[in-house]
Amino acid sequence: MKSLLPPDWPRPKGYSNAMAAQGRVIFTAGVIGWDEAERFTSDTLAGQFAQALRNILAILACDGAGPRNIARMTCYVTDIEQYRASLPEIGAAWKEIIGRHYPAMALVGVAALVEREALIEIEATAVVPE
């Protein structure tokens, strides 16, 4: 997998503009920040973000993939200002769970998510070399 960065563009912080990859593709559904028993253990965006990342890694592991295989993520949040205020905690959770791998990412503010307690939902696309 290779991060794509046009010449003379500044390096984005915490994500890549684009990723190039070849291999078997894995798509997750929207993953939220509850545990394996479908219980929310955090009522903070950063806490739910961390749990959603753990859930994504558990799903990817079912087919031999891990953090370095994630090519793209789309995050849906119910409160963009809360997301901005939580960036230090979100960044720390990212480094702890994903490490220093930064896929192409997008963040979208939404009015609500299907699960009323959910503050964030993440879709991930991973590519596993064959």
N, C-alpha and C. Protein backbone atom coordinates (compact mmCIF):
# COMPACT_ATOMS: atom_id res chain seq x y z
N MET A 1 0.85 -1.16 0.00
CA MET A 1 0.00 0.00 0.00
C MET A 1 0.90 1.23 0.00
N LYS A 2 0.48 2.24 -0.76
CA LYS A 2 1.31 3.43 -0.92
C LYS A 2 0.44 4.67 -0.76
N SER A 3 0.90 5.61 0.05
CA SER A 3 0.23 6.90 0.20
C SER A 3 0.57 7.77 -1.00
N LEU A 4 -0.43 8.45 -1.55
CA LEU A 4 -0.22 9.30 -2.71
C LEU A 4 -0.27 10.77 -2.28
N LEU A 5 0.78 11.52 -2.64
CA LEU A 5 0.87 12.93 -2.27
C LEU A 5 1.46 13.70 -3.45
N PRO A 6 0.66 14.57 -4.08
CA PRO A 6 1.18 15.34 -5.20
C PRO A 6 2.40 16.17 -4.78
N PRO A 7 3.34 16.37 -5.72
CA PRO A 7 4.53 17.17 -5.41
C PRO A 7 4.13 18.56 -4.92
N ASP A 8 4.86 19.06 -3.97
CA ASP A 8 4.68 20.40 -3.41
C ASP A 8 3.43 20.56 -2.55
N TRP A 9 2.65 19.50 -2.34
CA TRP A 9 1.52 19.60 -1.41
C TRP A 9 2.03 19.35 0.00
N PRO A 10 1.50 20.04 1.00
CA PRO A 10 1.91 19.74 2.38
C PRO A 10 1.37 18.38 2.81
N ARG A 11 2.09 17.72 3.67
CA ARG A 11 1.69 16.42 4.20
C ARG A 11 0.48 16.62 5.10
N PRO A 12 -0.66 15.94 4.83
CA PRO A 12 -1.82 16.06 5.71
C PRO A 12 -1.49 15.49 7.10
N LYS A 13 -2.14 16.03 8.10
CA LYS A 13 -1.91 15.57 9.48
C LYS A 13 -3.01 14.59 9.88
N GLY A 14 -2.64 13.34 10.14
CA GLY A 14 -3.58 12.35 10.64
C GLY A 14 -4.35 11.57 9.58
N TYR A 15 -4.04 11.78 8.31
CA TYR A 15 -4.68 11.03 7.23
C TYR A 15 -3.82 11.16 5.98
N SER A 16 -4.18 10.43 4.93
CA SER A 16 -3.53 10.54 3.63
C SER A 16 -4.55 11.06 2.62
N ASN A 17 -4.06 11.77 1.61
CA ASN A 17 -4.96 12.23 0.55
C ASN A 17 -5.53 11.06 -0.24
N ALA A 18 -4.71 10.06 -0.47
CA ALA A 18 -5.14 8.89 -1.23
C ALA A 18 -4.18 7.74 -0.95
N MET A 19 -4.66 6.53 -1.18
CA MET A 19 -3.85 5.33 -1.02
C MET A 19 -3.97 4.49 -2.29
N ALA A 20 -2.86 3.90 -2.72
CA ALA A 20 -2.86 2.95 -3.84
C ALA A 20 -2.57 1.57 -3.26
N ALA A 21 -3.33 0.56 -3.71
CA ALA A 21 -3.14 -0.79 -3.17
C ALA A 21 -3.62 -1.83 -4.18
N GLN A 22 -3.10 -3.04 -4.05
CA GLN A 22 -3.54 -4.18 -4.84
C GLN A 22 -3.80 -5.33 -3.89
N GLY A 23 -4.82 -6.13 -4.17
CA GLY A 23 -5.08 -7.30 -3.35
C GLY A 23 -6.56 -7.54 -3.12
N ARG A 24 -6.84 -8.36 -2.13
CA ARG A 24 -8.21 -8.70 -1.73
C ARG A 24 -8.78 -7.53 -0.93
N VAL A 25 -9.98 -7.09 -1.26
CA VAL A 25 -10.58 -5.93 -0.62
C VAL A 25 -11.62 -6.37 0.41
N ILE A 26 -11.59 -5.73 1.57
CA ILE A 26 -12.55 -5.98 2.65
C ILE A 26 -13.26 -4.66 2.93
N PHE A 27 -14.59 -4.69 2.94
CA PHE A 27 -15.40 -3.52 3.25
C PHE A 27 -16.13 -3.78 4.56
N THR A 28 -16.06 -2.85 5.50
CA THR A 28 -16.89 -2.99 6.69
C THR A 28 -18.17 -2.19 6.51
N ALA A 29 -19.18 -2.57 7.24
CA ALA A 29 -20.38 -1.76 7.35
C ALA A 29 -20.04 -0.58 8.26
N GLY A 30 -21.01 0.25 8.54
CA GLY A 30 -20.80 1.30 9.52
C GLY A 30 -20.62 0.66 10.88
N VAL A 31 -19.49 0.92 11.52
CA VAL A 31 -19.14 0.30 12.81
C VAL A 31 -19.23 1.38 13.88
N ILE A 32 -19.93 1.07 14.96
CA ILE A 32 -20.09 2.05 16.03
C ILE A 32 -19.31 1.63 17.26
N GLY A 33 -19.33 2.48 18.26
CA GLY A 33 -18.50 2.29 19.44
C GLY A 33 -19.14 1.55 20.59
N TRP A 34 -19.83 0.44 20.30
CA TRP A 34 -20.29 -0.40 21.39
C TRP A 34 -19.45 -1.65 21.46
N ASP A 35 -19.58 -2.40 22.56
CA ASP A 35 -18.75 -3.60 22.73
C ASP A 35 -19.40 -4.79 22.05
N GLU A 36 -18.79 -5.96 22.22
CA GLU A 36 -19.27 -7.17 21.54
C GLU A 36 -20.66 -7.60 22.01
N ALA A 37 -21.12 -7.09 23.14
CA ALA A 37 -22.47 -7.39 23.63
C ALA A 37 -23.46 -6.27 23.24
N GLU A 38 -23.03 -5.38 22.36
CA GLU A 38 -23.83 -4.26 21.89
C GLU A 38 -24.24 -3.32 23.02
N ARG A 39 -23.26 -3.06 23.92
CA ARG A 39 -23.44 -2.10 25.01
C ARG A 39 -22.42 -0.99 24.84
N PHE A 40 -22.87 0.24 25.02
CA PHE A 40 -21.96 1.38 24.99
C PHE A 40 -21.28 1.47 26.34
N THR A 41 -19.95 1.45 26.33
CA THR A 41 -19.20 1.57 27.58
C THR A 41 -18.65 2.98 27.76
N SER A 42 -18.89 3.85 26.79
CA SER A 42 -18.46 5.24 26.87
C SER A 42 -19.56 6.13 26.30
N ASP A 43 -19.71 7.29 26.92
CA ASP A 43 -20.65 8.28 26.39
C ASP A 43 -19.91 9.47 25.81
N THR A 44 -18.58 9.30 25.57
CA THR A 44 -17.80 10.36 24.94
C THR A 44 -17.47 9.99 23.51
N LEU A 45 -17.32 10.97 22.66
CA LEU A 45 -16.98 10.71 21.27
C LEU A 45 -15.63 10.00 21.18
N ALA A 46 -14.64 10.46 21.93
CA ALA A 46 -13.32 9.83 21.89
C ALA A 46 -13.37 8.38 22.35
N GLY A 47 -14.14 8.10 23.39
CA GLY A 47 -14.27 6.72 23.87
C GLY A 47 -14.95 5.83 22.86
N GLN A 48 -16.01 6.34 22.23
CA GLN A 48 -16.70 5.56 21.21
C GLN A 48 -15.84 5.40 19.95
N PHE A 49 -15.06 6.43 19.62
CA PHE A 49 -14.15 6.34 18.49
C PHE A 49 -13.15 5.20 18.72
N ALA A 50 -12.56 5.15 19.91
CA ALA A 50 -11.59 4.11 20.23
C ALA A 50 -12.23 2.72 20.13
N GLN A 51 -13.43 2.57 20.67
CA GLN A 51 -14.09 1.26 20.62
C GLN A 51 -14.44 0.89 19.18
N ALA A 52 -14.88 1.86 18.38
CA ALA A 52 -15.18 1.58 16.96
C ALA A 52 -13.93 1.09 16.24
N LEU A 53 -12.77 1.72 16.52
CA LEU A 53 -11.51 1.25 15.91
C LEU A 53 -11.20 -0.18 16.33
N ARG A 54 -11.38 -0.49 17.61
CA ARG A 54 -11.14 -1.87 18.07
C ARG A 54 -12.09 -2.84 17.36
N ASN A 55 -13.34 -2.43 17.20
CA ASN A 55 -14.33 -3.28 16.52
C ASN A 55 -13.93 -3.52 15.07
N ILE A 56 -13.46 -2.48 14.40
CA ILE A 56 -13.01 -2.62 13.01
C ILE A 56 -11.86 -3.61 12.92
N LEU A 57 -10.89 -3.50 13.83
CA LEU A 57 -9.75 -4.43 13.81
C LEU A 57 -10.20 -5.86 14.07
N ALA A 58 -11.20 -6.06 14.95
CA ALA A 58 -11.71 -7.40 15.20
C ALA A 58 -12.37 -7.97 13.94
N ILE A 59 -13.10 -7.14 13.22
CA ILE A 59 -13.73 -7.58 11.97
C ILE A 59 -12.66 -7.93 10.94
N LEU A 60 -11.69 -7.05 10.75
CA LEU A 60 -10.63 -7.29 9.76
C LEU A 60 -9.82 -8.54 10.08
N ALA A 61 -9.61 -8.81 11.36
CA ALA A 61 -8.83 -9.99 11.76
C ALA A 61 -9.50 -11.28 11.31
N CYS A 62 -10.82 -11.26 11.12
CA CYS A 62 -11.54 -12.46 10.65
C CYS A 62 -11.06 -12.91 9.27
N ASP A 63 -10.42 -12.01 8.53
CA ASP A 63 -9.91 -12.37 7.20
C ASP A 63 -8.42 -12.08 7.08
N GLY A 64 -7.72 -12.09 8.19
CA GLY A 64 -6.27 -11.95 8.17
C GLY A 64 -5.75 -10.54 7.96
N ALA A 65 -6.56 -9.54 8.17
CA ALA A 65 -6.13 -8.15 7.96
C ALA A 65 -5.91 -7.46 9.31
N GLY A 66 -5.18 -6.36 9.26
CA GLY A 66 -4.90 -5.58 10.46
C GLY A 66 -4.85 -4.10 10.13
N PRO A 67 -4.36 -3.31 11.06
CA PRO A 67 -4.34 -1.85 10.88
C PRO A 67 -3.66 -1.38 9.60
N ARG A 68 -2.54 -1.99 9.24
CA ARG A 68 -1.77 -1.56 8.07
C ARG A 68 -2.48 -1.84 6.75
N ASN A 69 -3.55 -2.66 6.80
CA ASN A 69 -4.30 -2.96 5.59
C ASN A 69 -5.41 -1.96 5.31
N ILE A 70 -5.70 -1.08 6.25
CA ILE A 70 -6.78 -0.11 6.07
C ILE A 70 -6.35 0.92 5.04
N ALA A 71 -7.12 1.01 3.95
CA ALA A 71 -6.81 1.95 2.87
C ALA A 71 -7.66 3.22 2.97
N ARG A 72 -8.87 3.08 3.52
CA ARG A 72 -9.80 4.21 3.53
C ARG A 72 -10.77 4.08 4.68
N MET A 73 -11.15 5.24 5.25
CA MET A 73 -12.17 5.29 6.29
C MET A 73 -13.06 6.50 6.06
N THR A 74 -14.34 6.32 6.36
CA THR A 74 -15.26 7.44 6.42
C THR A 74 -15.87 7.44 7.81
N CYS A 75 -15.74 8.56 8.50
CA CYS A 75 -16.27 8.72 9.86
C CYS A 75 -17.49 9.64 9.81
N TYR A 76 -18.57 9.20 10.43
CA TYR A 76 -19.79 10.00 10.53
C TYR A 76 -19.94 10.38 12.00
N VAL A 77 -20.02 11.66 12.29
CA VAL A 77 -20.16 12.12 13.67
C VAL A 77 -21.42 12.96 13.81
N THR A 78 -22.01 12.90 14.99
CA THR A 78 -23.23 13.66 15.24
C THR A 78 -22.95 15.09 15.69
N ASP A 79 -21.68 15.39 16.00
CA ASP A 79 -21.34 16.73 16.46
C ASP A 79 -19.89 17.06 16.07
N ILE A 80 -19.73 17.84 15.01
CA ILE A 80 -18.38 18.16 14.52
C ILE A 80 -17.60 18.98 15.55
N GLU A 81 -18.25 19.87 16.26
CA GLU A 81 -17.54 20.66 17.28
C GLU A 81 -17.02 19.77 18.40
N GLN A 82 -17.82 18.78 18.79
CA GLN A 82 -17.35 17.82 19.80
C GLN A 82 -16.17 17.03 19.25
N TYR A 83 -16.20 16.68 17.99
CA TYR A 83 -15.08 15.98 17.35
C TYR A 83 -13.82 16.85 17.44
N ARG A 84 -13.93 18.11 17.04
CA ARG A 84 -12.77 19.01 17.09
C ARG A 84 -12.25 19.14 18.51
N ALA A 85 -13.14 19.27 19.49
CA ALA A 85 -12.72 19.40 20.88
C ALA A 85 -12.06 18.12 21.41
N SER A 86 -12.40 16.99 20.81
CA SER A 86 -11.88 15.70 21.25
C SER A 86 -10.63 15.25 20.51
N LEU A 87 -10.12 16.08 19.60
CA LEU A 87 -8.98 15.66 18.76
C LEU A 87 -7.77 15.15 19.54
N PRO A 88 -7.37 15.76 20.66
CA PRO A 88 -6.22 15.19 21.38
C PRO A 88 -6.48 13.75 21.85
N GLU A 89 -7.67 13.46 22.37
CA GLU A 89 -7.99 12.11 22.82
C GLU A 89 -8.16 11.16 21.63
N ILE A 90 -8.76 11.65 20.56
CA ILE A 90 -8.93 10.84 19.36
C ILE A 90 -7.57 10.48 18.77
N GLY A 91 -6.67 11.46 18.70
CA GLY A 91 -5.32 11.19 18.20
C GLY A 91 -4.58 10.17 19.05
N ALA A 92 -4.71 10.29 20.36
CA ALA A 92 -4.06 9.33 21.25
C ALA A 92 -4.63 7.93 21.05
N ALA A 93 -5.96 7.83 20.91
CA ALA A 93 -6.58 6.52 20.67
C ALA A 93 -6.11 5.94 19.34
N TRP A 94 -6.03 6.79 18.31
CA TRP A 94 -5.56 6.32 17.00
C TRP A 94 -4.17 5.73 17.12
N LYS A 95 -3.26 6.46 17.74
CA LYS A 95 -1.87 5.97 17.86
C LYS A 95 -1.79 4.68 18.65
N GLU A 96 -2.60 4.56 19.70
CA GLU A 96 -2.58 3.36 20.53
C GLU A 96 -3.15 2.15 19.78
N ILE A 97 -4.21 2.34 19.01
CA ILE A 97 -4.93 1.23 18.39
C ILE A 97 -4.44 0.95 16.97
N ILE A 98 -4.25 1.98 16.17
CA ILE A 98 -3.87 1.83 14.76
C ILE A 98 -2.37 2.01 14.57
N GLY A 99 -1.76 2.87 15.34
CA GLY A 99 -0.33 3.14 15.20
C GLY A 99 -0.09 4.35 14.32
N ARG A 100 0.96 4.30 13.51
CA ARG A 100 1.32 5.43 12.66
C ARG A 100 0.94 5.20 11.20
N HIS A 101 -0.11 4.48 10.98
CA HIS A 101 -0.65 4.24 9.64
C HIS A 101 -1.82 5.20 9.44
N TYR A 102 -1.80 5.96 8.35
CA TYR A 102 -2.83 6.96 8.11
C TYR A 102 -3.47 6.75 6.73
N PRO A 103 -4.64 6.10 6.69
CA PRO A 103 -5.32 5.87 5.42
C PRO A 103 -5.98 7.15 4.90
N ALA A 104 -6.52 7.07 3.70
CA ALA A 104 -7.34 8.16 3.18
C ALA A 104 -8.60 8.21 4.05
N MET A 105 -8.97 9.40 4.48
CA MET A 105 -10.10 9.52 5.41
C MET A 105 -10.99 10.69 5.06
N ALA A 106 -12.26 10.55 5.42
CA ALA A 106 -13.22 11.64 5.31
C ALA A 106 -14.03 11.67 6.60
N LEU A 107 -14.45 12.86 7.00
CA LEU A 107 -15.29 13.05 8.18
C LEU A 107 -16.55 13.78 7.74
N VAL A 108 -17.70 13.25 8.14
CA VAL A 108 -18.98 13.83 7.74
C VAL A 108 -19.82 14.06 8.99
N GLY A 109 -20.37 15.27 9.11
CA GLY A 109 -21.31 15.55 10.19
C GLY A 109 -22.71 15.11 9.77
N VAL A 110 -23.41 14.41 10.66
CA VAL A 110 -24.76 13.93 10.38
C VAL A 110 -25.69 14.34 11.52
N ALA A 111 -26.97 14.39 11.24
CA ALA A 111 -27.96 14.78 12.24
C ALA A 111 -28.13 13.71 13.31
N ALA A 112 -28.06 12.44 12.92
CA ALA A 112 -28.25 11.35 13.88
C ALA A 112 -27.74 10.06 13.25
N LEU A 113 -27.53 9.06 14.10
CA LEU A 113 -27.17 7.71 13.67
C LEU A 113 -28.29 6.77 14.10
N VAL A 114 -28.34 5.58 13.54
CA VAL A 114 -29.43 4.65 13.84
C VAL A 114 -29.50 4.33 15.33
N GLU A 115 -28.37 4.01 15.94
CA GLU A 115 -28.35 3.75 17.38
C GLU A 115 -28.31 5.10 18.11
N ARG A 116 -29.31 5.36 18.92
CA ARG A 116 -29.47 6.67 19.55
C ARG A 116 -28.26 7.11 20.37
N GLU A 117 -27.58 6.17 21.03
CA GLU A 117 -26.43 6.53 21.87
C GLU A 117 -25.15 6.72 21.08
N ALA A 118 -25.15 6.32 19.83
CA ALA A 118 -23.93 6.38 19.02
C ALA A 118 -23.60 7.83 18.67
N LEU A 119 -22.33 8.18 18.87
CA LEU A 119 -21.83 9.52 18.54
C LEU A 119 -20.99 9.50 17.28
N ILE A 120 -20.54 8.30 16.88
CA ILE A 120 -19.69 8.14 15.70
C ILE A 120 -19.97 6.78 15.07
N GLU A 121 -19.85 6.74 13.75
CA GLU A 121 -19.94 5.50 12.99
C GLU A 121 -18.84 5.56 11.94
N ILE A 122 -18.13 4.44 11.76
CA ILE A 122 -16.98 4.43 10.85
C ILE A 122 -17.13 3.29 9.85
N GLU A 123 -16.93 3.60 8.56
CA GLU A 123 -16.83 2.59 7.51
C GLU A 123 -15.36 2.48 7.15
N ALA A 124 -14.87 1.27 6.96
CA ALA A 124 -13.47 1.07 6.59
C ALA A 124 -13.37 0.17 5.37
N THR A 125 -12.36 0.45 4.56
CA THR A 125 -12.00 -0.40 3.44
C THR A 125 -10.55 -0.82 3.65
N ALA A 126 -10.31 -2.12 3.61
CA ALA A 126 -8.95 -2.65 3.78
C ALA A 126 -8.56 -3.43 2.53
N VAL A 127 -7.26 -3.48 2.26
CA VAL A 127 -6.75 -4.24 1.14
C VAL A 127 -5.64 -5.16 1.66
N VAL A 128 -5.79 -6.46 1.39
CA VAL A 128 -4.83 -7.46 1.84
C VAL A 128 -4.08 -7.97 0.61
N PRO A 129 -2.76 -7.78 0.54
CA PRO A 129 -2.00 -8.27 -0.62
C PRO A 129 -2.18 -9.79 -0.76
N GLU A 130 -2.26 -10.24 -2.01
CA GLU A 130 -2.42 -11.69 -2.24
C GLU A 130 -1.13 -12.28 -2.75
